[in-house]
């Protein structure tokens, strides 16, 4: 007897794989939404924004130093 969503050889069907991916994707999206709405999520987003700004500033500094050497 085969499990639903699997062939007789035990290989998952395309439909089973698609449903699994969609279920996991929806769960991940929901989790991200919950985390983003929490105090910890907002603090993490702010920290990521600060890190991104610092990285951008450093990249601009490197670009300016390369152009000075021309």
PDB file of N, CA and C in Angstrom:
ATOM      1  N   UNK A   1       0.845  -1.180   0.000  1.00  0.00           N
ATOM      2  CA  UNK A   1       0.000   0.000   0.000  1.00  0.00           C
ATOM      3  C   UNK A   1       0.893   1.246   0.000  1.00  0.00           C
ATOM      4  N   UNK A   2       0.596   2.181  -0.896  1.00  0.00           N
ATOM      5  CA  UNK A   2       1.406   3.392  -0.997  1.00  0.00           C
ATOM      6  C   UNK A   2       0.743   4.537  -0.227  1.00  0.00           C
ATOM      7  N   UNK A   3       1.596   5.432   0.229  1.00  0.00           N
ATOM      8  CA  UNK A   3       1.098   6.616   0.929  1.00  0.00           C
ATOM      9  C   UNK A   3       0.509   7.581  -0.086  1.00  0.00           C
ATOM     10  N   UNK A   4      -0.481   8.364   0.331  1.00  0.00           N
ATOM     11  CA  UNK A   4      -1.022   9.370  -0.591  1.00  0.00           C
ATOM     12  C   UNK A   4       0.076  10.357  -0.999  1.00  0.00           C
ATOM     13  N   UNK A   5       0.096  10.723  -2.280  1.00  0.00           N
ATOM     14  CA  UNK A   5       1.092  11.664  -2.769  1.00  0.00           C
ATOM     15  C   UNK A   5       2.367  10.990  -3.244  1.00  0.00           C
ATOM     16  N   UNK A   6       2.401   9.666  -3.226  1.00  0.00           N
ATOM     17  CA  UNK A   6       3.581   8.917  -3.662  1.00  0.00           C
ATOM     18  C   UNK A   6       3.193   7.885  -4.703  1.00  0.00           C
ATOM     19  N   UNK A   7       4.118   7.580  -5.600  1.00  0.00           N
ATOM     20  CA  UNK A   7       3.877   6.524  -6.575  1.00  0.00           C
ATOM     21  C   UNK A   7       4.082   5.171  -5.901  1.00  0.00           C
ATOM     22  N   UNK A   8       3.795   4.111  -6.627  1.00  0.00           N
ATOM     23  CA  UNK A   8       4.003   2.767  -6.082  1.00  0.00           C
ATOM     24  C   UNK A   8       5.466   2.499  -5.777  1.00  0.00           C
ATOM     25  N   UNK A   9       6.364   3.211  -6.458  1.00  0.00           N
ATOM     26  CA  UNK A   9       7.802   3.051  -6.228  1.00  0.00           C
ATOM     27  C   UNK A   9       8.299   3.901  -5.057  1.00  0.00           C
ATOM     28  N   UNK A  10       7.413   4.655  -4.428  1.00  0.00           N
ATOM     29  CA  UNK A  10       7.798   5.475  -3.294  1.00  0.00           C
ATOM     30  C   UNK A  10       8.322   6.845  -3.665  1.00  0.00           C
ATOM     31  N   UNK A  11       8.094   7.251  -4.907  1.00  0.00           N
ATOM     32  CA  UNK A  11       8.550   8.559  -5.376  1.00  0.00           C
ATOM     33  C   UNK A  11       7.408   9.560  -5.187  1.00  0.00           C
ATOM     34  N   UNK A  12       7.702  10.719  -4.603  1.00  0.00           N
ATOM     35  CA  UNK A  12       6.629  11.698  -4.420  1.00  0.00           C
ATOM     36  C   UNK A  12       6.138  12.221  -5.771  1.00  0.00           C
ATOM     37  N   UNK A  13       4.830  12.461  -5.850  1.00  0.00           N
ATOM     38  CA  UNK A  13       4.263  12.998  -7.075  1.00  0.00           C
ATOM     39  C   UNK A  13       4.553  14.487  -7.167  1.00  0.00           C
ATOM     40  N   UNK A  14       4.435  15.024  -8.375  1.00  0.00           N
ATOM     41  CA  UNK A  14       4.657  16.451  -8.577  1.00  0.00           C
ATOM     42  C   UNK A  14       3.697  17.252  -7.704  1.00  0.00           C
ATOM     43  N   UNK A  15       2.451  16.851  -7.666  1.00  0.00           N
ATOM     44  CA  UNK A  15       1.444  17.546  -6.866  1.00  0.00           C
ATOM     45  C   UNK A  15       1.822  17.548  -5.389  1.00  0.00           C
ATOM     46  N   UNK A  16       2.313  16.440  -4.884  1.00  0.00           N
ATOM     47  CA  UNK A  16       2.721  16.342  -3.485  1.00  0.00           C
ATOM     48  C   UNK A  16       3.891  17.291  -3.202  1.00  0.00           C
ATOM     49  N   UNK A  17       4.852  17.321  -4.092  1.00  0.00           N
ATOM     50  CA  UNK A  17       6.016  18.201  -3.927  1.00  0.00           C
ATOM     51  C   UNK A  17       5.579  19.661  -3.982  1.00  0.00           C
ATOM     52  N   UNK A  18       4.720  20.005  -4.926  1.00  0.00           N
ATOM     53  CA  UNK A  18       4.229  21.375  -5.054  1.00  0.00           C
ATOM     54  C   UNK A  18       3.488  21.802  -3.789  1.00  0.00           C
ATOM     55  N   UNK A  19       2.611  20.964  -3.283  1.00  0.00           N
ATOM     56  CA  UNK A  19       1.865  21.291  -2.061  1.00  0.00           C
ATOM     57  C   UNK A  19       2.802  21.457  -0.869  1.00  0.00           C
ATOM     58  N   UNK A  20       3.823  20.627  -0.776  1.00  0.00           N
ATOM     59  CA  UNK A  20       4.786  20.738   0.320  1.00  0.00           C
ATOM     60  C   UNK A  20       5.539  22.057   0.246  1.00  0.00           C
ATOM     61  N   UNK A  21       5.975  22.429  -0.946  1.00  0.00           N
ATOM     62  CA  UNK A  21       6.695  23.690  -1.124  1.00  0.00           C
ATOM     63  C   UNK A  21       5.791  24.867  -0.783  1.00  0.00           C
ATOM     64  N   UNK A  22       4.561  24.860  -1.263  1.00  0.00           N
ATOM     65  CA  UNK A  22       3.630  25.951  -0.983  1.00  0.00           C
ATOM     66  C   UNK A  22       3.335  26.056   0.516  1.00  0.00           C
ATOM     67  N   UNK A  23       3.167  24.931   1.185  1.00  0.00           N
ATOM     68  CA  UNK A  23       2.892  24.928   2.625  1.00  0.00           C
ATOM     69  C   UNK A  23       4.079  25.498   3.393  1.00  0.00           C
ATOM     70  N   UNK A  24       5.284  25.089   3.044  1.00  0.00           N
ATOM     71  CA  UNK A  24       6.473  25.588   3.725  1.00  0.00           C
ATOM     72  C   UNK A  24       6.703  27.069   3.441  1.00  0.00           C
ATOM     73  N   UNK A  25       6.443  27.487   2.209  1.00  0.00           N
ATOM     74  CA  UNK A  25       6.603  28.887   1.844  1.00  0.00           C
ATOM     75  C   UNK A  25       5.621  29.764   2.621  1.00  0.00           C
ATOM     76  N   UNK A  26       4.378  29.319   2.735  1.00  0.00           N
ATOM     77  CA  UNK A  26       3.372  30.081   3.484  1.00  0.00           C
ATOM     78  C   UNK A  26       3.741  30.152   4.963  1.00  0.00           C
ATOM     79  N   UNK A  27       4.242  29.066   5.513  1.00  0.00           N
ATOM     80  CA  UNK A  27       4.652  29.056   6.918  1.00  0.00           C
ATOM     81  C   UNK A  27       5.817  30.012   7.148  1.00  0.00           C
ATOM     82  N   UNK A  28       6.778  30.022   6.242  1.00  0.00           N
ATOM     83  CA  UNK A  28       7.930  30.910   6.369  1.00  0.00           C
ATOM     84  C   UNK A  28       7.507  32.370   6.255  1.00  0.00           C
ATOM     85  N   UNK A  29       6.615  32.666   5.332  1.00  0.00           N
ATOM     86  CA  UNK A  29       6.134  34.038   5.164  1.00  0.00           C
ATOM     87  C   UNK A  29       5.384  34.491   6.413  1.00  0.00           C
ATOM     88  N   UNK A  30       4.570  33.617   6.961  1.00  0.00           N
ATOM     89  CA  UNK A  30       3.840  33.942   8.184  1.00  0.00           C
ATOM     90  C   UNK A  30       4.776  34.180   9.347  1.00  0.00           C
ATOM     91  N   UNK A  31       5.790  33.353   9.456  1.00  0.00           N
ATOM     92  CA  UNK A  31       6.771  33.517  10.527  1.00  0.00           C
ATOM     93  C   UNK A  31       7.486  34.852  10.398  1.00  0.00           C
ATOM     94  N   UNK A  32       7.918  35.195   9.194  1.00  0.00           N
ATOM     95  CA  UNK A  32       8.611  36.463   8.968  1.00  0.00           C
ATOM     96  C   UNK A  32       7.713  37.645   9.320  1.00  0.00           C
ATOM     97  N   UNK A  33       6.436  37.530   8.992  1.00  0.00           N
ATOM     98  CA  UNK A  33       5.502  38.605   9.315  1.00  0.00           C
ATOM     99  C   UNK A  33       5.355  38.762  10.830  1.00  0.00           C
ATOM    100  N   UNK A  34       5.255  37.658  11.532  1.00  0.00           N
ATOM    101  CA  UNK A  34       5.147  37.711  12.989  1.00  0.00           C
ATOM    102  C   UNK A  34       6.403  38.296  13.620  1.00  0.00           C
ATOM    103  N   UNK A  35       7.551  37.874  13.138  1.00  0.00           N
ATOM    104  CA  UNK A  35       8.817  38.366  13.681  1.00  0.00           C
ATOM    105  C   UNK A  35       8.970  39.855  13.406  1.00  0.00           C
ATOM    106  N   UNK A  36       8.592  40.286  12.220  1.00  0.00           N
ATOM    107  CA  UNK A  36       8.733  41.694  11.857  1.00  0.00           C
ATOM    108  C   UNK A  36       7.863  42.588  12.741  1.00  0.00           C
ATOM    109  N   UNK A  37       6.744  42.062  13.209  1.00  0.00           N
ATOM    110  CA  UNK A  37       5.838  42.843  14.045  1.00  0.00           C
ATOM    111  C   UNK A  37       6.236  42.851  15.511  1.00  0.00           C
ATOM    112  N   UNK A  38       7.232  42.074  15.883  1.00  0.00           N
ATOM    113  CA  UNK A  38       7.645  42.021  17.283  1.00  0.00           C
ATOM    114  C   UNK A  38       8.707  43.078  17.569  1.00  0.00           C
ATOM    115  N   UNK A  39       8.909  43.369  18.841  1.00  0.00           N
ATOM    116  CA  UNK A  39       9.947  44.330  19.228  1.00  0.00           C
ATOM    117  C   UNK A  39      11.314  43.831  18.788  1.00  0.00           C
ATOM    118  N   UNK A  40      11.550  42.553  18.949  1.00  0.00           N
ATOM    119  CA  UNK A  40      12.832  41.963  18.531  1.00  0.00           C
ATOM    120  C   UNK A  40      13.006  42.088  17.018  1.00  0.00           C
ATOM    121  N   UNK A  41      11.930  41.869  16.276  1.00  0.00           N
ATOM    122  CA  UNK A  41      11.995  41.981  14.824  1.00  0.00           C
ATOM    123  C   UNK A  41      12.299  43.391  14.371  1.00  0.00           C
ATOM    124  N   UNK A  42      11.681  44.362  15.029  1.00  0.00           N
ATOM    125  CA  UNK A  42      11.951  45.760  14.672  1.00  0.00           C
ATOM    126  C   UNK A  42      13.387  46.137  15.013  1.00  0.00           C
ATOM    127  N   UNK A  43      13.878  45.651  16.146  1.00  0.00           N
ATOM    128  CA  UNK A  43      15.265  45.933  16.533  1.00  0.00           C
ATOM    129  C   UNK A  43      16.227  45.302  15.527  1.00  0.00           C
ATOM    130  N   UNK A  44      15.914  44.089  15.098  1.00  0.00           N
ATOM    131  CA  UNK A  44      16.768  43.407  14.117  1.00  0.00           C
ATOM    132  C   UNK A  44      16.748  44.152  12.782  1.00  0.00           C
ATOM    133  N   UNK A  45      15.566  44.622  12.368  1.00  0.00           N
ATOM    134  CA  UNK A  45      15.465  45.369  11.112  1.00  0.00           C
ATOM    135  C   UNK A  45      16.262  46.660  11.189  1.00  0.00           C
ATOM    136  N   UNK A  46      16.204  47.329  12.340  1.00  0.00           N
ATOM    137  CA  UNK A  46      16.978  48.558  12.521  1.00  0.00           C
ATOM    138  C   UNK A  46      18.480  48.269  12.482  1.00  0.00           C
ATOM    139  N   UNK A  47      18.881  47.183  13.114  1.00  0.00           N
ATOM    140  CA  UNK A  47      20.292  46.791  13.115  1.00  0.00           C
ATOM    141  C   UNK A  47      20.752  46.456  11.698  1.00  0.00           C
ATOM    142  N   UNK A  48      19.912  45.754  10.939  1.00  0.00           N
ATOM    143  CA  UNK A  48      20.250  45.427   9.555  1.00  0.00           C
ATOM    144  C   UNK A  48      20.359  46.698   8.710  1.00  0.00           C
ATOM    145  N   UNK A  49      19.463  47.661   8.945  1.00  0.00           N
ATOM    146  CA  UNK A  49      19.514  48.919   8.196  1.00  0.00           C
ATOM    147  C   UNK A  49      20.799  49.675   8.527  1.00  0.00           C
ATOM    148  N   UNK A  50      21.187  49.692   9.803  1.00  0.00           N
ATOM    149  CA  UNK A  50      22.436  50.348  10.195  1.00  0.00           C
ATOM    150  C   UNK A  50      23.632  49.670   9.542  1.00  0.00           C
ATOM    151  N   UNK A  51      23.614  48.341   9.523  1.00  0.00           N
ATOM    152  CA  UNK A  51      24.701  47.573   8.911  1.00  0.00           C
ATOM    153  C   UNK A  51      24.771  47.863   7.413  1.00  0.00           C
ATOM    154  N   UNK A  52      23.606  47.909   6.773  1.00  0.00           N
ATOM    155  CA  UNK A  52      23.543  48.179   5.338  1.00  0.00           C
ATOM    156  C   UNK A  52      24.077  49.577   5.036  1.00  0.00           C
ATOM    157  N   UNK A  53      23.723  50.549   5.856  1.00  0.00           N
ATOM    158  CA  UNK A  53      24.209  51.926   5.657  1.00  0.00           C
ATOM    159  C   UNK A  53      25.720  51.988   5.839  1.00  0.00           C
ATOM    160  N   UNK A  54      26.234  51.293   6.844  1.00  0.00           N
ATOM    161  CA  UNK A  54      27.680  51.277   7.064  1.00  0.00           C
ATOM    162  C   UNK A  54      28.397  50.615   5.896  1.00  0.00           C
ATOM    163  N   UNK A  55      27.824  49.543   5.379  1.00  0.00           N
ATOM    164  CA  UNK A  55      28.430  48.861   4.235  1.00  0.00           C
ATOM    165  C   UNK A  55      28.428  49.772   3.009  1.00  0.00           C
ATOM    166  N   UNK A  56      27.334  50.481   2.808  1.00  0.00           N
ATOM    167  CA  UNK A  56      27.247  51.412   1.681  1.00  0.00           C
ATOM    168  C   UNK A  56      28.296  52.517   1.809  1.00  0.00           C
ATOM    169  N   UNK A  57      28.428  53.071   3.015  1.00  0.00           N
ATOM    170  CA  UNK A  57      29.422  54.127   3.256  1.00  0.00           C
ATOM    171  C   UNK A  57      30.841  53.615   2.986  1.00  0.00           C
ATOM    172  N   UNK A  58      31.130  52.404   3.427  1.00  0.00           N
ATOM    173  CA  UNK A  58      32.460  51.823   3.222  1.00  0.00           C
ATOM    174  C   UNK A  58      32.723  51.609   1.734  1.00  0.00           C
ATOM    175  N   UNK A  59      31.721  51.139   1.022  1.00  0.00           N
ATOM    176  CA  UNK A  59      31.870  50.923  -0.417  1.00  0.00           C
ATOM    177  C   UNK A  59      32.135  52.243  -1.130  1.00  0.00           C
ATOM    178  N   UNK A  60      31.428  53.285  -0.750  1.00  0.00           N
ATOM    179  CA  UNK A  60      31.661  54.599  -1.346  1.00  0.00           C
ATOM    180  C   UNK A  60      33.066  55.106  -1.026  1.00  0.00           C
ATOM    181  N   UNK A  61      33.525  54.857   0.184  1.00  0.00           N
ATOM    182  CA  UNK A  61      34.883  55.253   0.570  1.00  0.00           C
ATOM    183  C   UNK A  61      35.914  54.539  -0.302  1.00  0.00           C
ATOM    184  N   UNK A  62      35.711  53.263  -0.530  1.00  0.00           N
ATOM    185  CA  UNK A  62      36.627  52.475  -1.366  1.00  0.00           C
ATOM    186  C   UNK A  62      36.602  53.004  -2.803  1.00  0.00           C
ATOM    187  N   UNK A  63      35.419  53.297  -3.311  1.00  0.00           N
ATOM    188  CA  UNK A  63      35.315  53.819  -4.683  1.00  0.00           C
ATOM    189  C   UNK A  63      36.039  55.155  -4.810  1.00  0.00           C
ATOM    190  N   UNK A  64      35.861  56.028  -3.826  1.00  0.00           N
ATOM    191  CA  UNK A  64      36.549  57.326  -3.873  1.00  0.00           C
ATOM    192  C   UNK A  64      38.064  57.136  -3.854  1.00  0.00           C
ATOM    193  N   UNK A  65      38.543  56.215  -3.034  1.00  0.00           N
ATOM    194  CA  UNK A  65      39.995  56.004  -2.950  1.00  0.00           C
ATOM    195  C   UNK A  65      40.539  55.431  -4.266  1.00  0.00           C
ATOM    196  N   UNK A  66      39.747  54.637  -4.968  1.00  0.00           N
ATOM    197  CA  UNK A  66      40.192  54.097  -6.254  1.00  0.00           C
ATOM    198  C   UNK A  66      40.266  55.188  -7.296  1.00  0.00           C
ATOM    199  N   UNK A  67      39.335  56.117  -7.265  1.00  0.00           N
ATOM    200  CA  UNK A  67      39.322  57.189  -8.255  1.00  0.00           C
ATOM    201  C   UNK A  67      40.414  58.216  -8.001  1.00  0.00           C
ATOM    202  N   UNK A  68      40.869  58.361  -6.787  1.00  0.00           N
ATOM    203  CA  UNK A  68      41.963  59.289  -6.476  1.00  0.00           C
ATOM    204  C   UNK A  68      43.271  58.809  -7.074  1.00  0.00           C
ATOM    205  N   UNK A  69      43.400  57.485  -7.226  1.00  0.00           N
ATOM    206  CA  UNK A  69      44.638  56.927  -7.748  1.00  0.00           C
ATOM    207  C   UNK A  69      44.777  57.093  -9.253  1.00  0.00           C
ATOM    208  N   UNK A  70      43.699  57.491  -9.927  1.00  0.00           N
ATOM    209  CA  UNK A  70      43.727  57.627 -11.406  1.00  0.00           C
ATOM    210  C   UNK A  70      44.586  58.765 -11.854  1.00  0.00           C
TER     211      UNK A  70
END
